[in-house]
Amino acid sequence: DLCSGTGCIGISLKKTLPLLDVYL
């Protein structure tokens, strides 16, 4: 998640699909 800001995109993806490896 590039230019993450609050992290709303990357964190929401991780919460919805926990098996993802997410970097903010």
mmCIF file of all heavy atoms, coordinates in Angstrom:
data_MODEL
# 
_entry.id   MODEL 
# 
loop_
_atom_site.group_PDB 
_atom_site.id 
_atom_site.type_symbol 
_atom_site.label_atom_id 
_atom_site.label_alt_id 
_atom_site.label_comp_id 
_atom_site.label_asym_id 
_atom_site.label_entity_id 
_atom_site.label_seq_id 
_atom_site.pdbx_PDB_ins_code 
_atom_site.Cartn_x 
_atom_site.Cartn_y 
_atom_site.Cartn_z 
_atom_site.occupancy 
_atom_site.B_iso_or_equiv 
_atom_site.pdbx_formal_charge 
_atom_site.auth_seq_id 
_atom_site.auth_comp_id 
_atom_site.auth_asym_id 
_atom_site.auth_atom_id 
_atom_site.pdbx_PDB_model_num 
ATOM 1   N N   . ASP A 1 1  ? 0.886   -1.170  0.000  1.00 0.00 ? 1  ASP A N   1 
ATOM 2   C CA  . ASP A 1 1  ? 0.000   0.000   0.000  1.00 0.00 ? 1  ASP A CA  1 
ATOM 3   C C   . ASP A 1 1  ? 0.920   1.215   0.000  1.00 0.00 ? 1  ASP A C   1 
ATOM 4   O O   . ASP A 1 1  ? 1.519   1.553   1.032  1.00 0.00 ? 1  ASP A O   1 
ATOM 5   C CB  . ASP A 1 1  ? -0.894  -0.023  1.238  1.00 0.00 ? 1  ASP A CB  1 
ATOM 6   C CG  . ASP A 1 1  ? -1.756  1.230   1.389  1.00 0.00 ? 1  ASP A CG  1 
ATOM 7   O OD1 . ASP A 1 1  ? -1.772  2.055   0.458  1.00 0.00 ? 1  ASP A OD1 1 
ATOM 8   O OD2 . ASP A 1 1  ? -2.404  1.374   2.443  1.00 0.00 ? 1  ASP A OD2 1 
ATOM 9   N N   . LEU A 1 2  ? 1.059   1.855   -1.146 1.00 0.00 ? 2  LEU A N   1 
ATOM 10  C CA  . LEU A 1 2  ? 1.989   2.964   -1.314 1.00 0.00 ? 2  LEU A CA  1 
ATOM 11  C C   . LEU A 1 2  ? 1.288   4.301   -1.117 1.00 0.00 ? 2  LEU A C   1 
ATOM 12  O O   . LEU A 1 2  ? 0.163   4.479   -1.574 1.00 0.00 ? 2  LEU A O   1 
ATOM 13  C CB  . LEU A 1 2  ? 2.631   2.907   -2.704 1.00 0.00 ? 2  LEU A CB  1 
ATOM 14  C CG  . LEU A 1 2  ? 3.332   1.593   -3.076 1.00 0.00 ? 2  LEU A CG  1 
ATOM 15  C CD1 . LEU A 1 2  ? 3.945   1.683   -4.476 1.00 0.00 ? 2  LEU A CD1 1 
ATOM 16  C CD2 . LEU A 1 2  ? 4.404   1.224   -2.050 1.00 0.00 ? 2  LEU A CD2 1 
ATOM 17  N N   . CYS A 1 3  ? 1.949   5.228   -0.445 1.00 0.00 ? 3  CYS A N   1 
ATOM 18  C CA  . CYS A 1 3  ? 1.332   6.495   -0.021 1.00 0.00 ? 3  CYS A CA  1 
ATOM 19  C C   . CYS A 1 3  ? 0.169   6.179   0.919  1.00 0.00 ? 3  CYS A C   1 
ATOM 20  O O   . CYS A 1 3  ? -0.979  6.582   0.702  1.00 0.00 ? 3  CYS A O   1 
ATOM 21  C CB  . CYS A 1 3  ? 0.864   7.334   -1.200 1.00 0.00 ? 3  CYS A CB  1 
ATOM 22  S SG  . CYS A 1 3  ? 2.136   7.702   -2.426 1.00 0.00 ? 3  CYS A SG  1 
ATOM 23  N N   . SER A 1 4  ? 0.471   5.464   1.984  1.00 0.00 ? 4  SER A N   1 
ATOM 24  C CA  . SER A 1 4  ? -0.552  4.836   2.829  1.00 0.00 ? 4  SER A CA  1 
ATOM 25  C C   . SER A 1 4  ? -1.420  5.805   3.607  1.00 0.00 ? 4  SER A C   1 
ATOM 26  O O   . SER A 1 4  ? -2.575  5.499   3.910  1.00 0.00 ? 4  SER A O   1 
ATOM 27  C CB  . SER A 1 4  ? 0.108   3.878   3.830  1.00 0.00 ? 4  SER A CB  1 
ATOM 28  O OG  . SER A 1 4  ? 0.649   2.771   3.183  1.00 0.00 ? 4  SER A OG  1 
ATOM 29  N N   . GLY A 1 5  ? -0.880  6.967   4.020  1.00 0.00 ? 5  GLY A N   1 
ATOM 30  C CA  . GLY A 1 5  ? -1.668  7.882   4.827  1.00 0.00 ? 5  GLY A CA  1 
ATOM 31  C C   . GLY A 1 5  ? -2.069  7.248   6.148  1.00 0.00 ? 5  GLY A C   1 
ATOM 32  O O   . GLY A 1 5  ? -1.233  6.789   6.927  1.00 0.00 ? 5  GLY A O   1 
ATOM 33  N N   . THR A 1 6  ? -3.356  7.182   6.418  1.00 0.00 ? 6  THR A N   1 
ATOM 34  C CA  . THR A 1 6  ? -3.858  6.555   7.646  1.00 0.00 ? 6  THR A CA  1 
ATOM 35  C C   . THR A 1 6  ? -3.642  5.047   7.665  1.00 0.00 ? 6  THR A C   1 
ATOM 36  O O   . THR A 1 6  ? -3.802  4.413   8.707  1.00 0.00 ? 6  THR A O   1 
ATOM 37  C CB  . THR A 1 6  ? -5.367  6.799   7.815  1.00 0.00 ? 6  THR A CB  1 
ATOM 38  O OG1 . THR A 1 6  ? -6.051  6.242   6.683  1.00 0.00 ? 6  THR A OG1 1 
ATOM 39  C CG2 . THR A 1 6  ? -5.681  8.280   7.936  1.00 0.00 ? 6  THR A CG2 1 
ATOM 40  N N   . GLY A 1 7  ? -3.323  4.476   6.502  1.00 0.00 ? 7  GLY A N   1 
ATOM 41  C CA  . GLY A 1 7  ? -3.232  3.023   6.394  1.00 0.00 ? 7  GLY A CA  1 
ATOM 42  C C   . GLY A 1 7  ? -4.561  2.369   6.098  1.00 0.00 ? 7  GLY A C   1 
ATOM 43  O O   . GLY A 1 7  ? -4.680  1.140   6.139  1.00 0.00 ? 7  GLY A O   1 
ATOM 44  N N   . CYS A 1 8  ? -5.572  3.179   5.752  1.00 0.00 ? 8  CYS A N   1 
ATOM 45  C CA  . CYS A 1 8  ? -6.928  2.637   5.634  1.00 0.00 ? 8  CYS A CA  1 
ATOM 46  C C   . CYS A 1 8  ? -7.033  1.552   4.563  1.00 0.00 ? 8  CYS A C   1 
ATOM 47  O O   . CYS A 1 8  ? -7.766  0.567   4.748  1.00 0.00 ? 8  CYS A O   1 
ATOM 48  C CB  . CYS A 1 8  ? -7.941  3.747   5.394  1.00 0.00 ? 8  CYS A CB  1 
ATOM 49  S SG  . CYS A 1 8  ? -7.698  4.710   3.890  1.00 0.00 ? 8  CYS A SG  1 
ATOM 50  N N   . ILE A 1 9  ? -6.299  1.697   3.466  1.00 0.00 ? 9  ILE A N   1 
ATOM 51  C CA  . ILE A 1 9  ? -6.400  0.683   2.409  1.00 0.00 ? 9  ILE A CA  1 
ATOM 52  C C   . ILE A 1 9  ? -5.736  -0.613  2.842  1.00 0.00 ? 9  ILE A C   1 
ATOM 53  O O   . ILE A 1 9  ? -6.361  -1.680  2.894  1.00 0.00 ? 9  ILE A O   1 
ATOM 54  C CB  . ILE A 1 9  ? -5.775  1.184   1.094  1.00 0.00 ? 9  ILE A CB  1 
ATOM 55  C CG1 . ILE A 1 9  ? -6.510  2.417   0.567  1.00 0.00 ? 9  ILE A CG1 1 
ATOM 56  C CG2 . ILE A 1 9  ? -5.808  0.077   0.041  1.00 0.00 ? 9  ILE A CG2 1 
ATOM 57  C CD1 . ILE A 1 9  ? -5.857  3.049   -0.652 1.00 0.00 ? 9  ILE A CD1 1 
ATOM 58  N N   . GLY A 1 10 ? -4.452  -0.531  3.152  1.00 0.00 ? 10 GLY A N   1 
ATOM 59  C CA  . GLY A 1 10 ? -3.704  -1.742  3.477  1.00 0.00 ? 10 GLY A CA  1 
ATOM 60  C C   . GLY A 1 10 ? -4.226  -2.460  4.703  1.00 0.00 ? 10 GLY A C   1 
ATOM 61  O O   . GLY A 1 10 ? -4.324  -3.694  4.724  1.00 0.00 ? 10 GLY A O   1 
ATOM 62  N N   . ILE A 1 11 ? -4.571  -1.703  5.745  1.00 0.00 ? 11 ILE A N   1 
ATOM 63  C CA  . ILE A 1 11 ? -5.083  -2.329  6.966  1.00 0.00 ? 11 ILE A CA  1 
ATOM 64  C C   . ILE A 1 11 ? -6.440  -2.983  6.708  1.00 0.00 ? 11 ILE A C   1 
ATOM 65  O O   . ILE A 1 11 ? -6.712  -4.095  7.187  1.00 0.00 ? 11 ILE A O   1 
ATOM 66  C CB  . ILE A 1 11 ? -5.165  -1.300  8.107  1.00 0.00 ? 11 ILE A CB  1 
ATOM 67  C CG1 . ILE A 1 11 ? -3.751  -0.878  8.523  1.00 0.00 ? 11 ILE A CG1 1 
ATOM 68  C CG2 . ILE A 1 11 ? -5.917  -1.874  9.299  1.00 0.00 ? 11 ILE A CG2 1 
ATOM 69  C CD1 . ILE A 1 11 ? -3.705  0.247   9.546  1.00 0.00 ? 11 ILE A CD1 1 
ATOM 70  N N   . SER A 1 12 ? -7.294  -2.318  5.937  1.00 0.00 ? 12 SER A N   1 
ATOM 71  C CA  . SER A 1 12 ? -8.601  -2.919  5.621  1.00 0.00 ? 12 SER A CA  1 
ATOM 72  C C   . SER A 1 12 ? -8.438  -4.207  4.825  1.00 0.00 ? 12 SER A C   1 
ATOM 73  O O   . SER A 1 12 ? -9.176  -5.174  5.047  1.00 0.00 ? 12 SER A O   1 
ATOM 74  C CB  . SER A 1 12 ? -9.458  -1.916  4.832  1.00 0.00 ? 12 SER A CB  1 
ATOM 75  O OG  . SER A 1 12 ? -9.770  -0.785  5.613  1.00 0.00 ? 12 SER A OG  1 
ATOM 76  N N   . LEU A 1 13 ? -7.480  -4.216  3.898  1.00 0.00 ? 13 LEU A N   1 
ATOM 77  C CA  . LEU A 1 13 ? -7.232  -5.446  3.138  1.00 0.00 ? 13 LEU A CA  1 
ATOM 78  C C   . LEU A 1 13 ? -6.760  -6.562  4.064  1.00 0.00 ? 13 LEU A C   1 
ATOM 79  O O   . LEU A 1 13 ? -7.208  -7.710  3.953  1.00 0.00 ? 13 LEU A O   1 
ATOM 80  C CB  . LEU A 1 13 ? -6.191  -5.181  2.049  1.00 0.00 ? 13 LEU A CB  1 
ATOM 81  C CG  . LEU A 1 13 ? -6.612  -4.250  0.911  1.00 0.00 ? 13 LEU A CG  1 
ATOM 82  C CD1 . LEU A 1 13 ? -5.445  -4.012  -0.044 1.00 0.00 ? 13 LEU A CD1 1 
ATOM 83  C CD2 . LEU A 1 13 ? -7.809  -4.814  0.143  1.00 0.00 ? 13 LEU A CD2 1 
ATOM 84  N N   . LYS A 1 14 ? -5.867  -6.233  4.974  1.00 0.00 ? 14 LYS A N   1 
ATOM 85  C CA  . LYS A 1 14 ? -5.351  -7.238  5.910  1.00 0.00 ? 14 LYS A CA  1 
ATOM 86  C C   . LYS A 1 14 ? -6.450  -7.752  6.836  1.00 0.00 ? 14 LYS A C   1 
ATOM 87  O O   . LYS A 1 14 ? -6.535  -8.956  7.104  1.00 0.00 ? 14 LYS A O   1 
ATOM 88  C CB  . LYS A 1 14 ? -4.208  -6.643  6.731  1.00 0.00 ? 14 LYS A CB  1 
ATOM 89  C CG  . LYS A 1 14 ? -3.604  -7.592  7.765  1.00 0.00 ? 14 LYS A CG  1 
ATOM 90  C CD  . LYS A 1 14 ? -2.886  -8.753  7.107  1.00 0.00 ? 14 LYS A CD  1 
ATOM 91  C CE  . LYS A 1 14 ? -2.155  -9.608  8.149  1.00 0.00 ? 14 LYS A CE  1 
ATOM 92  N NZ  . LYS A 1 14 ? -1.439  -10.754 7.528  1.00 0.00 ? 14 LYS A NZ  1 
ATOM 93  N N   . LYS A 1 15 ? -7.296  -6.862  7.331  1.00 0.00 ? 15 LYS A N   1 
ATOM 94  C CA  . LYS A 1 15 ? -8.380  -7.276  8.227  1.00 0.00 ? 15 LYS A CA  1 
ATOM 95  C C   . LYS A 1 15 ? -9.387  -8.152  7.495  1.00 0.00 ? 15 LYS A C   1 
ATOM 96  O O   . LYS A 1 15 ? -9.962  -9.074  8.073  1.00 0.00 ? 15 LYS A O   1 
ATOM 97  C CB  . LYS A 1 15 ? -9.091  -6.037  8.790  1.00 0.00 ? 15 LYS A CB  1 
ATOM 98  C CG  . LYS A 1 15 ? -8.225  -5.170  9.683  1.00 0.00 ? 15 LYS A CG  1 
ATOM 99  C CD  . LYS A 1 15 ? -7.912  -5.803  11.023 1.00 0.00 ? 15 LYS A CD  1 
ATOM 100 C CE  . LYS A 1 15 ? -9.117  -5.824  11.925 1.00 0.00 ? 15 LYS A CE  1 
ATOM 101 N NZ  . LYS A 1 15 ? -8.780  -6.331  13.278 1.00 0.00 ? 15 LYS A NZ  1 
ATOM 102 N N   . THR A 1 16 ? -9.610  -7.862  6.215  1.00 0.00 ? 16 THR A N   1 
ATOM 103 C CA  . THR A 1 16 ? -10.582 -8.620  5.434  1.00 0.00 ? 16 THR A CA  1 
ATOM 104 C C   . THR A 1 16 ? -10.013 -9.951  4.963  1.00 0.00 ? 16 THR A C   1 
ATOM 105 O O   . THR A 1 16 ? -10.714 -10.977 4.969  1.00 0.00 ? 16 THR A O   1 
ATOM 106 C CB  . THR A 1 16 ? -11.037 -7.792  4.218  1.00 0.00 ? 16 THR A CB  1 
ATOM 107 O OG1 . THR A 1 16 ? -11.530 -6.523  4.662  1.00 0.00 ? 16 THR A OG1 1 
ATOM 108 C CG2 . THR A 1 16 ? -12.142 -8.519  3.455  1.00 0.00 ? 16 THR A CG2 1 
ATOM 109 N N   . LEU A 1 17 ? -8.737  -9.938  4.562  1.00 0.00 ? 17 LEU A N   1 
ATOM 110 C CA  . LEU A 1 17 ? -8.068  -11.149 4.072  1.00 0.00 ? 17 LEU A CA  1 
ATOM 111 C C   . LEU A 1 17 ? -6.776  -11.345 4.861  1.00 0.00 ? 17 LEU A C   1 
ATOM 112 O O   . LEU A 1 17 ? -5.691  -10.939 4.435  1.00 0.00 ? 17 LEU A O   1 
ATOM 113 C CB  . LEU A 1 17 ? -7.773  -11.013 2.574  1.00 0.00 ? 17 LEU A CB  1 
ATOM 114 C CG  . LEU A 1 17 ? -8.990  -10.839 1.651  1.00 0.00 ? 17 LEU A CG  1 
ATOM 115 C CD1 . LEU A 1 17 ? -8.534  -10.536 0.233  1.00 0.00 ? 17 LEU A CD1 1 
ATOM 116 C CD2 . LEU A 1 17 ? -9.871  -12.077 1.678  1.00 0.00 ? 17 LEU A CD2 1 
ATOM 117 N N   . PRO A 1 18 ? -6.866  -11.967 6.037  1.00 0.00 ? 18 PRO A N   1 
ATOM 118 C CA  . PRO A 1 18 ? -5.722  -12.044 6.959  1.00 0.00 ? 18 PRO A CA  1 
ATOM 119 C C   . PRO A 1 18 ? -4.490  -12.763 6.408  1.00 0.00 ? 18 PRO A C   1 
ATOM 120 O O   . PRO A 1 18 ? -3.389  -12.576 6.943  1.00 0.00 ? 18 PRO A O   1 
ATOM 121 C CB  . PRO A 1 18 ? -6.294  -12.797 8.170  1.00 0.00 ? 18 PRO A CB  1 
ATOM 122 C CG  . PRO A 1 18 ? -7.771  -12.578 8.098  1.00 0.00 ? 18 PRO A CG  1 
ATOM 123 C CD  . PRO A 1 18 ? -8.092  -12.529 6.641  1.00 0.00 ? 18 PRO A CD  1 
ATOM 124 N N   . LEU A 1 19 ? -4.638  -13.575 5.365  1.00 0.00 ? 19 LEU A N   1 
ATOM 125 C CA  . LEU A 1 19 ? -3.491  -14.308 4.833  1.00 0.00 ? 19 LEU A CA  1 
ATOM 126 C C   . LEU A 1 19 ? -2.593  -13.440 3.947  1.00 0.00 ? 19 LEU A C   1 
ATOM 127 O O   . LEU A 1 19 ? -1.514  -13.876 3.554  1.00 0.00 ? 19 LEU A O   1 
ATOM 128 C CB  . LEU A 1 19 ? -3.956  -15.533 4.051  1.00 0.00 ? 19 LEU A CB  1 
ATOM 129 C CG  . LEU A 1 19 ? -4.618  -16.644 4.878  1.00 0.00 ? 19 LEU A CG  1 
ATOM 130 C CD1 . LEU A 1 19 ? -5.040  -17.802 3.979  1.00 0.00 ? 19 LEU A CD1 1 
ATOM 131 C CD2 . LEU A 1 19 ? -3.696  -17.138 5.978  1.00 0.00 ? 19 LEU A CD2 1 
ATOM 132 N N   . LEU A 1 20 ? -3.028  -12.227 3.640  1.00 0.00 ? 20 LEU A N   1 
ATOM 133 C CA  . LEU A 1 20 ? -2.194  -11.335 2.855  1.00 0.00 ? 20 LEU A CA  1 
ATOM 134 C C   . LEU A 1 20 ? -0.989  -10.860 3.676  1.00 0.00 ? 20 LEU A C   1 
ATOM 135 O O   . LEU A 1 20 ? -1.093  -10.649 4.883  1.00 0.00 ? 20 LEU A O   1 
ATOM 136 C CB  . LEU A 1 20 ? -2.983  -10.096 2.420  1.00 0.00 ? 20 LEU A CB  1 
ATOM 137 C CG  . LEU A 1 20 ? -4.151  -10.293 1.457  1.00 0.00 ? 20 LEU A CG  1 
ATOM 138 C CD1 . LEU A 1 20 ? -4.833  -8.947  1.207  1.00 0.00 ? 20 LEU A CD1 1 
ATOM 139 C CD2 . LEU A 1 20 ? -3.690  -10.907 0.149  1.00 0.00 ? 20 LEU A CD2 1 
ATOM 140 N N   . ASP A 1 21 ? 0.150   -10.712 3.015  1.00 0.00 ? 21 ASP A N   1 
ATOM 141 C CA  . ASP A 1 21 ? 1.312   -10.058 3.620  1.00 0.00 ? 21 ASP A CA  1 
ATOM 142 C C   . ASP A 1 21 ? 1.314   -8.609  3.137  1.00 0.00 ? 21 ASP A C   1 
ATOM 143 O O   . ASP A 1 21 ? 1.611   -8.335  1.973  1.00 0.00 ? 21 ASP A O   1 
ATOM 144 C CB  . ASP A 1 21 ? 2.605   -10.757 3.205  1.00 0.00 ? 21 ASP A CB  1 
ATOM 145 C CG  . ASP A 1 21 ? 2.712   -12.155 3.776  1.00 0.00 ? 21 ASP A CG  1 
ATOM 146 O OD1 . ASP A 1 21 ? 2.284   -12.357 4.929  1.00 0.00 ? 21 ASP A OD1 1 
ATOM 147 O OD2 . ASP A 1 21 ? 3.220   -13.045 3.067  1.00 0.00 ? 21 ASP A OD2 1 
ATOM 148 N N   . VAL A 1 22 ? 0.968   -7.694  4.041  1.00 0.00 ? 22 VAL A N   1 
ATOM 149 C CA  . VAL A 1 22 ? 0.765   -6.295  3.666  1.00 0.00 ? 22 VAL A CA  1 
ATOM 150 C C   . VAL A 1 22 ? 1.891   -5.427  4.211  1.00 0.00 ? 22 VAL A C   1 
ATOM 151 O O   . VAL A 1 22 ? 2.281   -5.552  5.377  1.00 0.00 ? 22 VAL A O   1 
ATOM 152 C CB  . VAL A 1 22 ? -0.590  -5.783  4.192  1.00 0.00 ? 22 VAL A CB  1 
ATOM 153 C CG1 . VAL A 1 22 ? -0.771  -4.299  3.875  1.00 0.00 ? 22 VAL A CG1 1 
ATOM 154 C CG2 . VAL A 1 22 ? -1.744  -6.593  3.600  1.00 0.00 ? 22 VAL A CG2 1 
ATOM 155 N N   . TYR A 1 23 ? 2.392   -4.529  3.353  1.00 0.00 ? 23 TYR A N   1 
ATOM 156 C CA  . TYR A 1 23 ? 3.404   -3.551  3.741  1.00 0.00 ? 23 TYR A CA  1 
ATOM 157 C C   . TYR A 1 23 ? 2.859   -2.158  3.446  1.00 0.00 ? 23 TYR A C   1 
ATOM 158 O O   . TYR A 1 23 ? 2.343   -1.907  2.345  1.00 0.00 ? 23 TYR A O   1 
ATOM 159 C CB  . TYR A 1 23 ? 4.703   -3.767  2.957  1.00 0.00 ? 23 TYR A CB  1 
ATOM 160 C CG  . TYR A 1 23 ? 5.394   -5.077  3.254  1.00 0.00 ? 23 TYR A CG  1 
ATOM 161 C CD1 . TYR A 1 23 ? 4.986   -6.253  2.614  1.00 0.00 ? 23 TYR A CD1 1 
ATOM 162 C CD2 . TYR A 1 23 ? 6.445   -5.142  4.154  1.00 0.00 ? 23 TYR A CD2 1 
ATOM 163 C CE1 . TYR A 1 23 ? 5.608   -7.463  2.884  1.00 0.00 ? 23 TYR A CE1 1 
ATOM 164 C CE2 . TYR A 1 23 ? 7.094   -6.356  4.422  1.00 0.00 ? 23 TYR A CE2 1 
ATOM 165 C CZ  . TYR A 1 23 ? 6.665   -7.506  3.789  1.00 0.00 ? 23 TYR A CZ  1 
ATOM 166 O OH  . TYR A 1 23 ? 7.291   -8.704  4.045  1.00 0.00 ? 23 TYR A OH  1 
ATOM 167 N N   . LEU A 1 24 ? 2.987   -1.259  4.424  1.00 0.00 ? 24 LEU A N   1 
ATOM 168 C CA  . LEU A 1 24 ? 2.505   0.108   4.282  1.00 0.00 ? 24 LEU A CA  1 
ATOM 169 C C   . LEU A 1 24 ? 3.699   1.041   4.109  1.00 0.00 ? 24 LEU A C   1 
ATOM 170 O O   . LEU A 1 24 ? 4.633   1.008   4.915  1.00 0.00 ? 24 LEU A O   1 
ATOM 171 C CB  . LEU A 1 24 ? 1.715   0.528   5.525  1.00 0.00 ? 24 LEU A CB  1 
ATOM 172 C CG  . LEU A 1 24 ? 0.617   -0.429  6.000  1.00 0.00 ? 24 LEU A CG  1 
ATOM 173 C CD1 . LEU A 1 24 ? 0.026   0.066   7.315  1.00 0.00 ? 24 LEU A CD1 1 
ATOM 174 C CD2 . LEU A 1 24 ? -0.468  -0.580  4.947  1.00 0.00 ? 24 LEU A CD2 1 
# 
